[in-house]
């Protein structure tokens, strides 16, 4: 997690800003400004979740490695 801390923090802050924009700011605005604030909030929330997903991706070298129980004791052909 240390190497990808920026993704975790940036994604969390971005997602919370988006939710705050939709739930707190957009209802107070009327007309086009409210619609724009609501749409922007949804985009920010999705962008935050996407950033968090980058933090959970495996490295390319580990992409197809699976861990099985007792794999060390199994005889290989």
PDB file of N, CA and C in Angstrom:
ATOM      1  N   UNK A   1       0.819  -1.192   0.000  1.00  0.00           N
ATOM      2  CA  UNK A   1       0.000   0.000   0.000  1.00  0.00           C
ATOM      3  C   UNK A   1       0.865   1.259   0.000  1.00  0.00           C
ATOM      4  N   UNK A   2       2.071   1.169   0.498  1.00  0.00           N
ATOM      5  CA  UNK A   2       2.918   2.350   0.572  1.00  0.00           C
ATOM      6  C   UNK A   2       3.228   2.934  -0.793  1.00  0.00           C
ATOM      7  N   UNK A   3       3.423   2.068  -1.797  1.00  0.00           N
ATOM      8  CA  UNK A   3       3.778   2.554  -3.116  1.00  0.00           C
ATOM      9  C   UNK A   3       2.601   3.217  -3.824  1.00  0.00           C
ATOM     10  N   UNK A   4       1.408   2.847  -3.469  1.00  0.00           N
ATOM     11  CA  UNK A   4       0.232   3.366  -4.159  1.00  0.00           C
ATOM     12  C   UNK A   4      -0.641   4.240  -3.253  1.00  0.00           C
ATOM     13  N   UNK A   5      -0.018   4.817  -2.249  1.00  0.00           N
ATOM     14  CA  UNK A   5      -0.751   5.641  -1.290  1.00  0.00           C
ATOM     15  C   UNK A   5      -1.407   6.850  -1.963  1.00  0.00           C
ATOM     16  N   UNK A   6      -0.760   7.414  -2.981  1.00  0.00           N
ATOM     17  CA  UNK A   6      -1.325   8.583  -3.667  1.00  0.00           C
ATOM     18  C   UNK A   6      -2.642   8.231  -4.348  1.00  0.00           C
ATOM     19  N   UNK A   7      -2.732   7.015  -4.889  1.00  0.00           N
ATOM     20  CA  UNK A   7      -3.996   6.595  -5.504  1.00  0.00           C
ATOM     21  C   UNK A   7      -5.098   6.467  -4.457  1.00  0.00           C
ATOM     22  N   UNK A   8      -4.758   5.878  -3.310  1.00  0.00           N
ATOM     23  CA  UNK A   8      -5.754   5.711  -2.255  1.00  0.00           C
ATOM     24  C   UNK A   8      -6.240   7.070  -1.742  1.00  0.00           C
ATOM     25  N   UNK A   9      -5.309   7.945  -1.429  1.00  0.00           N
ATOM     26  CA  UNK A   9      -5.694   9.250  -0.862  1.00  0.00           C
ATOM     27  C   UNK A   9      -6.395  10.111  -1.914  1.00  0.00           C
ATOM     28  N   UNK A  10      -5.827  10.175  -3.111  1.00  0.00           N
ATOM     29  CA  UNK A  10      -6.435  10.982  -4.170  1.00  0.00           C
ATOM     30  C   UNK A  10      -7.817  10.484  -4.561  1.00  0.00           C
ATOM     31  N   UNK A  11      -7.966   9.175  -4.659  1.00  0.00           N
ATOM     32  CA  UNK A  11      -9.263   8.607  -5.015  1.00  0.00           C
ATOM     33  C   UNK A  11     -10.313   8.835  -3.948  1.00  0.00           C
ATOM     34  N   UNK A  12      -9.909   8.679  -2.694  1.00  0.00           N
ATOM     35  CA  UNK A  12     -10.853   8.893  -1.594  1.00  0.00           C
ATOM     36  C   UNK A  12     -11.298  10.348  -1.525  1.00  0.00           C
ATOM     37  N   UNK A  13     -10.354  11.260  -1.629  1.00  0.00           N
ATOM     38  CA  UNK A  13     -10.700  12.689  -1.576  1.00  0.00           C
ATOM     39  C   UNK A  13     -11.581  13.072  -2.763  1.00  0.00           C
ATOM     40  N   UNK A  14     -11.244  12.589  -3.934  1.00  0.00           N
ATOM     41  CA  UNK A  14     -12.032  12.907  -5.127  1.00  0.00           C
ATOM     42  C   UNK A  14     -13.449  12.361  -5.018  1.00  0.00           C
ATOM     43  N   UNK A  15     -13.585  11.130  -4.558  1.00  0.00           N
ATOM     44  CA  UNK A  15     -14.912  10.534  -4.425  1.00  0.00           C
ATOM     45  C   UNK A  15     -15.747  11.276  -3.387  1.00  0.00           C
ATOM     46  N   UNK A  16     -15.146  11.613  -2.242  1.00  0.00           N
ATOM     47  CA  UNK A  16     -15.896  12.343  -1.217  1.00  0.00           C
ATOM     48  C   UNK A  16     -16.283  13.749  -1.679  1.00  0.00           C
ATOM     49  N   UNK A  17     -15.405  14.400  -2.437  1.00  0.00           N
ATOM     50  CA  UNK A  17     -15.761  15.711  -2.987  1.00  0.00           C
ATOM     51  C   UNK A  17     -16.951  15.597  -3.941  1.00  0.00           C
ATOM     52  N   UNK A  18     -16.949  14.551  -4.755  1.00  0.00           N
ATOM     53  CA  UNK A  18     -18.064  14.347  -5.669  1.00  0.00           C
ATOM     54  C   UNK A  18     -19.370  14.099  -4.938  1.00  0.00           C
ATOM     55  N   UNK A  19     -19.328  13.261  -3.914  1.00  0.00           N
ATOM     56  CA  UNK A  19     -20.545  12.976  -3.148  1.00  0.00           C
ATOM     57  C   UNK A  19     -21.010  14.231  -2.415  1.00  0.00           C
ATOM     58  N   UNK A  20     -20.069  14.979  -1.864  1.00  0.00           N
ATOM     59  CA  UNK A  20     -20.443  16.225  -1.194  1.00  0.00           C
ATOM     60  C   UNK A  20     -21.051  17.235  -2.149  1.00  0.00           C
ATOM     61  N   UNK A  21     -20.537  17.283  -3.349  1.00  0.00           N
ATOM     62  CA  UNK A  21     -21.079  18.192  -4.356  1.00  0.00           C
ATOM     63  C   UNK A  21     -22.510  17.811  -4.720  1.00  0.00           C
ATOM     64  N   UNK A  22     -22.758  16.515  -4.859  1.00  0.00           N
ATOM     65  CA  UNK A  22     -24.100  16.054  -5.236  1.00  0.00           C
ATOM     66  C   UNK A  22     -25.085  16.212  -4.082  1.00  0.00           C
ATOM     67  N   UNK A  23     -24.679  15.822  -2.886  1.00  0.00           N
ATOM     68  CA  UNK A  23     -25.607  15.789  -1.755  1.00  0.00           C
ATOM     69  C   UNK A  23     -25.756  17.119  -1.027  1.00  0.00           C
ATOM     70  N   UNK A  24     -24.716  17.949  -1.015  1.00  0.00           N
ATOM     71  CA  UNK A  24     -24.776  19.173  -0.228  1.00  0.00           C
ATOM     72  C   UNK A  24     -24.929  20.439  -1.064  1.00  0.00           C
ATOM     73  N   UNK A  25     -24.202  20.527  -2.153  1.00  0.00           N
ATOM     74  CA  UNK A  25     -24.177  21.773  -2.922  1.00  0.00           C
ATOM     75  C   UNK A  25     -25.285  21.813  -3.972  1.00  0.00           C
ATOM     76  N   UNK A  26     -25.435  20.744  -4.742  1.00  0.00           N
ATOM     77  CA  UNK A  26     -26.383  20.739  -5.861  1.00  0.00           C
ATOM     78  C   UNK A  26     -27.834  20.994  -5.434  1.00  0.00           C
ATOM     79  N   UNK A  27     -28.309  20.460  -4.302  1.00  0.00           N
ATOM     80  CA  UNK A  27     -29.699  20.754  -3.924  1.00  0.00           C
ATOM     81  C   UNK A  27     -29.966  22.228  -3.599  1.00  0.00           C
ATOM     82  N   UNK A  28     -28.922  22.955  -3.223  1.00  0.00           N
ATOM     83  CA  UNK A  28     -29.088  24.369  -2.891  1.00  0.00           C
ATOM     84  C   UNK A  28     -29.114  25.266  -4.121  1.00  0.00           C
ATOM     85  N   UNK A  29     -28.637  24.762  -5.245  1.00  0.00           N
ATOM     86  CA  UNK A  29     -28.592  25.559  -6.465  1.00  0.00           C
ATOM     87  C   UNK A  29     -29.829  25.277  -7.315  1.00  0.00           C
ATOM     88  N   UNK A  30     -30.240  26.277  -8.059  1.00  0.00           N
ATOM     89  CA  UNK A  30     -31.424  26.121  -8.896  1.00  0.00           C
ATOM     90  C   UNK A  30     -31.041  26.201 -10.367  1.00  0.00           C
ATOM     91  N   UNK A  31     -31.821  25.530 -11.190  1.00  0.00           N
ATOM     92  CA  UNK A  31     -31.668  25.634 -12.634  1.00  0.00           C
ATOM     93  C   UNK A  31     -30.451  24.913 -13.167  1.00  0.00           C
ATOM     94  N   UNK A  32     -29.826  25.567 -14.144  1.00  0.00           N
ATOM     95  CA  UNK A  32     -28.695  24.960 -14.828  1.00  0.00           C
ATOM     96  C   UNK A  32     -27.498  24.770 -13.902  1.00  0.00           C
ATOM     97  N   UNK A  33     -27.318  25.659 -12.951  1.00  0.00           N
ATOM     98  CA  UNK A  33     -26.191  25.532 -12.020  1.00  0.00           C
ATOM     99  C   UNK A  33     -26.336  24.272 -11.167  1.00  0.00           C
ATOM    100  N   UNK A  34     -27.545  23.967 -10.733  1.00  0.00           N
ATOM    101  CA  UNK A  34     -27.788  22.759  -9.950  1.00  0.00           C
ATOM    102  C   UNK A  34     -27.568  21.501 -10.766  1.00  0.00           C
ATOM    103  N   UNK A  35     -28.013  21.534 -12.002  1.00  0.00           N
ATOM    104  CA  UNK A  35     -27.811  20.384 -12.889  1.00  0.00           C
ATOM    105  C   UNK A  35     -26.334  20.174 -13.176  1.00  0.00           C
ATOM    106  N   UNK A  36     -25.616  21.261 -13.426  1.00  0.00           N
ATOM    107  CA  UNK A  36     -24.181  21.171 -13.681  1.00  0.00           C
ATOM    108  C   UNK A  36     -23.430  20.671 -12.450  1.00  0.00           C
ATOM    109  N   UNK A  37     -23.791  21.169 -11.273  1.00  0.00           N
ATOM    110  CA  UNK A  37     -23.140  20.729 -10.038  1.00  0.00           C
ATOM    111  C   UNK A  37     -23.424  19.259  -9.768  1.00  0.00           C
ATOM    112  N   UNK A  38     -24.633  18.830 -10.028  1.00  0.00           N
ATOM    113  CA  UNK A  38     -24.986  17.426  -9.820  1.00  0.00           C
ATOM    114  C   UNK A  38     -24.220  16.513 -10.777  1.00  0.00           C
ATOM    115  N   UNK A  39     -24.176  16.885 -12.048  1.00  0.00           N
ATOM    116  CA  UNK A  39     -23.450  16.079 -13.035  1.00  0.00           C
ATOM    117  C   UNK A  39     -21.956  16.049 -12.718  1.00  0.00           C
ATOM    118  N   UNK A  40     -21.405  17.184 -12.318  1.00  0.00           N
ATOM    119  CA  UNK A  40     -19.987  17.237 -11.962  1.00  0.00           C
ATOM    120  C   UNK A  40     -19.690  16.373 -10.740  1.00  0.00           C
ATOM    121  N   UNK A  41     -20.598  16.368  -9.795  1.00  0.00           N
ATOM    122  CA  UNK A  41     -20.413  15.536  -8.606  1.00  0.00           C
ATOM    123  C   UNK A  41     -20.401  14.059  -8.934  1.00  0.00           C
ATOM    124  N   UNK A  42     -21.306  13.637  -9.808  1.00  0.00           N
ATOM    125  CA  UNK A  42     -21.321  12.231 -10.204  1.00  0.00           C
ATOM    126  C   UNK A  42     -20.037  11.847 -10.946  1.00  0.00           C
ATOM    127  N   UNK A  43     -19.567  12.731 -11.797  1.00  0.00           N
ATOM    128  CA  UNK A  43     -18.320  12.467 -12.526  1.00  0.00           C
ATOM    129  C   UNK A  43     -17.147  12.374 -11.552  1.00  0.00           C
ATOM    130  N   UNK A  44     -17.096  13.259 -10.563  1.00  0.00           N
ATOM    131  CA  UNK A  44     -16.016  13.216  -9.575  1.00  0.00           C
ATOM    132  C   UNK A  44     -16.070  11.938  -8.737  1.00  0.00           C
ATOM    133  N   UNK A  45     -17.268  11.520  -8.359  1.00  0.00           N
ATOM    134  CA  UNK A  45     -17.404  10.295  -7.568  1.00  0.00           C
ATOM    135  C   UNK A  45     -16.916   9.078  -8.360  1.00  0.00           C
ATOM    136  N   UNK A  46     -17.289   8.992  -9.618  1.00  0.00           N
ATOM    137  CA  UNK A  46     -16.847   7.875 -10.456  1.00  0.00           C
ATOM    138  C   UNK A  46     -15.340   7.947 -10.686  1.00  0.00           C
ATOM    139  N   UNK A  47     -14.812   9.150 -10.875  1.00  0.00           N
ATOM    140  CA  UNK A  47     -13.364   9.309 -11.058  1.00  0.00           C
ATOM    141  C   UNK A  47     -12.614   8.878  -9.796  1.00  0.00           C
ATOM    142  N   UNK A  48     -13.154   9.182  -8.632  1.00  0.00           N
ATOM    143  CA  UNK A  48     -12.521   8.766  -7.384  1.00  0.00           C
ATOM    144  C   UNK A  48     -12.490   7.263  -7.228  1.00  0.00           C
ATOM    145  N   UNK A  49     -13.589   6.613  -7.563  1.00  0.00           N
ATOM    146  CA  UNK A  49     -13.628   5.152  -7.491  1.00  0.00           C
ATOM    147  C   UNK A  49     -12.644   4.549  -8.495  1.00  0.00           C
ATOM    148  N   UNK A  50     -12.530   5.162  -9.649  1.00  0.00           N
ATOM    149  CA  UNK A  50     -11.576   4.681 -10.651  1.00  0.00           C
ATOM    150  C   UNK A  50     -10.143   4.825 -10.148  1.00  0.00           C
ATOM    151  N   UNK A  51      -9.835   5.927  -9.502  1.00  0.00           N
ATOM    152  CA  UNK A  51      -8.492   6.105  -8.938  1.00  0.00           C
ATOM    153  C   UNK A  51      -8.194   5.055  -7.874  1.00  0.00           C
ATOM    154  N   UNK A  52      -9.166   4.748  -7.047  1.00  0.00           N
ATOM    155  CA  UNK A  52      -8.969   3.722  -6.031  1.00  0.00           C
ATOM    156  C   UNK A  52      -8.733   2.366  -6.692  1.00  0.00           C
ATOM    157  N   UNK A  53      -9.409   2.112  -7.806  1.00  0.00           N
ATOM    158  CA  UNK A  53      -9.201   0.828  -8.487  1.00  0.00           C
ATOM    159  C   UNK A  53      -7.785   0.712  -9.035  1.00  0.00           C
ATOM    160  N   UNK A  54      -7.155   1.829  -9.381  1.00  0.00           N
ATOM    161  CA  UNK A  54      -5.760   1.784  -9.830  1.00  0.00           C
ATOM    162  C   UNK A  54      -4.841   1.348  -8.689  1.00  0.00           C
ATOM    163  N   UNK A  55      -5.208   1.653  -7.464  1.00  0.00           N
ATOM    164  CA  UNK A  55      -4.392   1.270  -6.318  1.00  0.00           C
ATOM    165  C   UNK A  55      -4.464  -0.228  -6.046  1.00  0.00           C
ATOM    166  N   UNK A  56      -5.498  -0.884  -6.513  1.00  0.00           N
ATOM    167  CA  UNK A  56      -5.657  -2.309  -6.232  1.00  0.00           C
ATOM    168  C   UNK A  56      -5.189  -3.199  -7.377  1.00  0.00           C
ATOM    169  N   UNK A  57      -4.718  -2.618  -8.463  1.00  0.00           N
ATOM    170  CA  UNK A  57      -4.252  -3.423  -9.600  1.00  0.00           C
ATOM    171  C   UNK A  57      -2.940  -4.109  -9.278  1.00  0.00           C
ATOM    172  N   UNK A  58      -2.786  -5.285  -9.818  1.00  0.00           N
ATOM    173  CA  UNK A  58      -1.534  -6.016  -9.661  1.00  0.00           C
ATOM    174  C   UNK A  58      -0.517  -5.526 -10.681  1.00  0.00           C
ATOM    175  N   UNK A  59       0.729  -5.772 -10.382  1.00  0.00           N
ATOM    176  CA  UNK A  59       1.773  -5.473 -11.347  1.00  0.00           C
ATOM    177  C   UNK A  59       1.655  -6.438 -12.514  1.00  0.00           C
ATOM    178  N   UNK A  60       2.168  -6.065 -13.654  1.00  0.00           N
ATOM    179  CA  UNK A  60       2.102  -6.910 -14.834  1.00  0.00           C
ATOM    180  C   UNK A  60       2.789  -8.246 -14.643  1.00  0.00           C
ATOM    181  N   UNK A  61       3.853  -8.252 -13.863  1.00  0.00           N
ATOM    182  CA  UNK A  61       4.575  -9.505 -13.645  1.00  0.00           C
ATOM    183  C   UNK A  61       3.807 -10.467 -12.747  1.00  0.00           C
ATOM    184  N   UNK A  62       2.836  -9.961 -11.987  1.00  0.00           N
ATOM    185  CA  UNK A  62       2.054 -10.806 -11.090  1.00  0.00           C
ATOM    186  C   UNK A  62       0.639 -11.050 -11.595  1.00  0.00           C
ATOM    187  N   UNK A  63       0.349 -10.672 -12.800  1.00  0.00           N
ATOM    188  CA  UNK A  63      -1.027 -10.675 -13.281  1.00  0.00           C
ATOM    189  C   UNK A  63      -1.664 -12.049 -13.300  1.00  0.00           C
ATOM    190  N   UNK A  64      -0.904 -13.081 -13.613  1.00  0.00           N
ATOM    191  CA  UNK A  64      -1.505 -14.400 -13.744  1.00  0.00           C
ATOM    192  C   UNK A  64      -0.989 -15.384 -12.702  1.00  0.00           C
ATOM    193  N   UNK A  65      -0.461 -14.885 -11.624  1.00  0.00           N
ATOM    194  CA  UNK A  65       0.013 -15.749 -10.553  1.00  0.00           C
ATOM    195  C   UNK A  65      -1.150 -16.035  -9.617  1.00  0.00           C
ATOM    196  N   UNK A  66      -1.389 -17.310  -9.369  1.00  0.00           N
ATOM    197  CA  UNK A  66      -2.416 -17.698  -8.409  1.00  0.00           C
ATOM    198  C   UNK A  66      -1.756 -18.495  -7.301  1.00  0.00           C
ATOM    199  N   UNK A  67      -2.312 -18.393  -6.125  1.00  0.00           N
ATOM    200  CA  UNK A  67      -1.772 -19.096  -4.978  1.00  0.00           C
ATOM    201  C   UNK A  67      -2.755 -20.191  -4.600  1.00  0.00           C
ATOM    202  N   UNK A  68      -2.260 -21.409  -4.530  1.00  0.00           N
ATOM    203  CA  UNK A  68      -3.092 -22.543  -4.168  1.00  0.00           C
ATOM    204  C   UNK A  68      -2.618 -23.107  -2.842  1.00  0.00           C
ATOM    205  N   UNK A  69      -3.507 -23.753  -2.142  1.00  0.00           N
ATOM    206  CA  UNK A  69      -3.116 -24.428  -0.913  1.00  0.00           C
ATOM    207  C   UNK A  69      -2.213 -25.602  -1.247  1.00  0.00           C
ATOM    208  N   UNK A  70      -1.157 -25.767  -0.494  1.00  0.00           N
ATOM    209  CA  UNK A  70      -0.204 -26.865  -0.640  1.00  0.00           C
ATOM    210  C   UNK A  70       0.452 -26.893  -2.022  1.00  0.00           C
ATOM    211  N   UNK A  71       0.593 -25.774  -2.661  1.00  0.00           N
ATOM    212  CA  UNK A  71       1.223 -25.735  -3.985  1.00  0.00           C
ATOM    213  C   UNK A  71       2.702 -26.095  -3.887  1.00  0.00           C
ATOM    214  N   UNK A  72       3.324 -25.813  -2.763  1.00  0.00           N
ATOM    215  CA  UNK A  72       4.731 -26.118  -2.592  1.00  0.00           C
ATOM    216  C   UNK A  72       4.971 -27.629  -2.535  1.00  0.00           C
ATOM    217  N   UNK A  73       4.013 -28.374  -1.978  1.00  0.00           N
ATOM    218  CA  UNK A  73       4.174 -29.813  -1.815  1.00  0.00           C
ATOM    219  C   UNK A  73       3.762 -30.610  -3.045  1.00  0.00           C
ATOM    220  N   UNK A  74       3.098 -29.996  -3.984  1.00  0.00           N
ATOM    221  CA  UNK A  74       2.610 -30.691  -5.163  1.00  0.00           C
ATOM    222  C   UNK A  74       3.765 -30.976  -6.119  1.00  0.00           C
ATOM    223  N   UNK A  75       3.744 -32.172  -6.735  1.00  0.00           N
ATOM    224  CA  UNK A  75       4.776 -32.528  -7.701  1.00  0.00           C
ATOM    225  C   UNK A  75       4.403 -31.976  -9.055  1.00  0.00           C
ATOM    226  N   UNK A  76       5.365 -31.406  -9.691  1.00  0.00           N
ATOM    227  CA  UNK A  76       5.145 -30.816 -11.012  1.00  0.00           C
ATOM    228  C   UNK A  76       5.474 -31.847 -12.092  1.00  0.00           C
ATOM    229  N   UNK A  77       4.738 -31.836 -13.207  1.00  0.00           N
ATOM    230  CA  UNK A  77       5.013 -32.797 -14.291  1.00  0.00           C
ATOM    231  C   UNK A  77       6.281 -32.473 -15.035  1.00  0.00           C
TER     232      UNK A  77
END
